[in-house]
Amino acid sequence: MPVEWSVKMTTKQKAVEIISKMPDNATVGDIMLQLYVQLKVERGVRQLDQGCGMSHAAMKKRLAKWLA
């Protein structure tokens, strides 16, 4: 359920948007998980934008070593 924002929003606005899209019976744990996932997605996108990524081929090669 990660959300992308096209305009700059405050952290609070982002949290409110995520929570508002969740079902009424969502638990605090559900909410915390979604906020955590969004944080990780944003952090990953920011790292990729900064060039801290790995090509698909390089990742496949690394995984092959781990799974061998």
C-alpha atoms as a PDB file:
ATOM      1  CA  MET A   1       0.000   0.000   0.000  1.00  0.00           C
ATOM      2  CA  PRO A   2       2.928   2.404  -0.427  1.00  0.00           C
ATOM      3  CA  VAL A   3       1.771   5.789  -1.643  1.00  0.00           C
ATOM      4  CA  GLU A   4       3.561   8.191  -3.974  1.00  0.00           C
ATOM      5  CA  TRP A   5       3.149  11.919  -3.536  1.00  0.00           C
ATOM      6  CA  SER A   6       3.680  14.382  -6.363  1.00  0.00           C
ATOM      7  CA  VAL A   7       3.787  17.455  -4.137  1.00  0.00           C
ATOM      8  CA  LYS A   8       5.785  18.058  -0.995  1.00  0.00           C
ATOM      9  CA  MET A   9       3.744  16.955   1.972  1.00  0.00           C
ATOM     10  CA  THR A  10       4.664  17.032   5.621  1.00  0.00           C
ATOM     11  CA  THR A  11       5.319  13.773   7.379  1.00  0.00           C
ATOM     12  CA  LYS A  12       2.089  14.257   9.299  1.00  0.00           C
ATOM     13  CA  GLN A  13       0.105  14.759   6.075  1.00  0.00           C
ATOM     14  CA  LYS A  14       1.599  11.583   4.623  1.00  0.00           C
ATOM     15  CA  ALA A  15       0.744   9.609   7.772  1.00  0.00           C
ATOM     16  CA  VAL A  16      -2.825  10.923   7.790  1.00  0.00           C
ATOM     17  CA  GLU A  17      -3.255   9.965   4.125  1.00  0.00           C
ATOM     18  CA  ILE A  18      -1.966   6.432   4.718  1.00  0.00           C
ATOM     19  CA  ILE A  19      -4.164   5.967   7.782  1.00  0.00           C
ATOM     20  CA  SER A  20      -7.241   7.374   6.039  1.00  0.00           C
ATOM     21  CA  LYS A  21      -6.911   4.737   3.297  1.00  0.00           C
ATOM     22  CA  MET A  22      -6.870   1.875   5.799  1.00  0.00           C
ATOM     23  CA  PRO A  23      -9.990  -0.034   6.841  1.00  0.00           C
ATOM     24  CA  ASP A  24     -11.854   1.109   9.944  1.00  0.00           C
ATOM     25  CA  ASN A  25     -10.906  -2.067  11.774  1.00  0.00           C
ATOM     26  CA  ALA A  26      -7.138  -1.554  11.259  1.00  0.00           C
ATOM     27  CA  THR A  27      -5.135  -2.133  14.411  1.00  0.00           C
ATOM     28  CA  VAL A  28      -2.349   0.052  15.723  1.00  0.00           C
ATOM     29  CA  GLY A  29       0.027  -2.665  14.541  1.00  0.00           C
ATOM     30  CA  ASP A  30      -1.460  -2.518  11.026  1.00  0.00           C
ATOM     31  CA  ILE A  31      -1.007   1.249  10.961  1.00  0.00           C
ATOM     32  CA  MET A  32       2.559   1.058  12.246  1.00  0.00           C
ATOM     33  CA  LEU A  33       3.423  -1.570   9.629  1.00  0.00           C
ATOM     34  CA  GLN A  34       2.080   0.559   6.784  1.00  0.00           C
ATOM     35  CA  LEU A  35       3.936   3.636   8.015  1.00  0.00           C
ATOM     36  CA  TYR A  36       7.134   1.574   8.326  1.00  0.00           C
ATOM     37  CA  VAL A  37       6.749   0.138   4.816  1.00  0.00           C
ATOM     38  CA  GLN A  38       6.202   3.615   3.385  1.00  0.00           C
ATOM     39  CA  LEU A  39       9.301   4.882   5.201  1.00  0.00           C
ATOM     40  CA  LYS A  40      11.393   2.071   3.745  1.00  0.00           C
ATOM     41  CA  VAL A  41      10.038   2.616   0.219  1.00  0.00           C
ATOM     42  CA  GLU A  42      10.765   6.342   0.370  1.00  0.00           C
ATOM     43  CA  ARG A  43      14.252   5.707   1.718  1.00  0.00           C
ATOM     44  CA  GLY A  44      14.939   3.185  -1.058  1.00  0.00           C
ATOM     45  CA  VAL A  45      13.708   5.531  -3.780  1.00  0.00           C
ATOM     46  CA  ARG A  46      15.852   8.326  -2.367  1.00  0.00           C
ATOM     47  CA  GLN A  47      18.908   6.025  -2.394  1.00  0.00           C
ATOM     48  CA  LEU A  48      18.230   5.039  -6.005  1.00  0.00           C
ATOM     49  CA  ASP A  49      17.890   8.709  -6.959  1.00  0.00           C
ATOM     50  CA  GLN A  50      21.331   9.265  -5.406  1.00  0.00           C
ATOM     51  CA  GLY A  51      22.814   6.482  -7.524  1.00  0.00           C
ATOM     52  CA  CYS A  52      23.114   3.977  -4.687  1.00  0.00           C
ATOM     53  CA  GLY A  53      21.555   1.141  -6.606  1.00  0.00           C
ATOM     54  CA  MET A  54      22.481  -2.084  -8.280  1.00  0.00           C
ATOM     55  CA  SER A  55      21.613  -3.328 -11.758  1.00  0.00           C
ATOM     56  CA  HIS A  56      19.309  -6.278 -12.188  1.00  0.00           C
ATOM     57  CA  ALA A  57      22.155  -8.355 -13.622  1.00  0.00           C
ATOM     58  CA  ALA A  58      24.460  -7.534 -10.697  1.00  0.00           C
ATOM     59  CA  MET A  59      21.757  -8.461  -8.218  1.00  0.00           C
ATOM     60  CA  LYS A  60      21.058 -11.757  -9.969  1.00  0.00           C
ATOM     61  CA  LYS A  61      24.772 -12.556  -9.771  1.00  0.00           C
ATOM     62  CA  ARG A  62      24.866 -11.725  -6.048  1.00  0.00           C
ATOM     63  CA  LEU A  63      21.749 -13.805  -5.348  1.00  0.00           C
ATOM     64  CA  ALA A  64      23.198 -16.755  -7.261  1.00  0.00           C
ATOM     65  CA  LYS A  65      26.135 -16.795  -4.832  1.00  0.00           C
ATOM     66  CA  TRP A  66      23.809 -16.671  -1.810  1.00  0.00           C
ATOM     67  CA  LEU A  67      21.544 -19.409  -3.091  1.00  0.00           C
ATOM     68  CA  ALA A  68      24.302 -21.743  -4.269  1.00  0.00           C
END
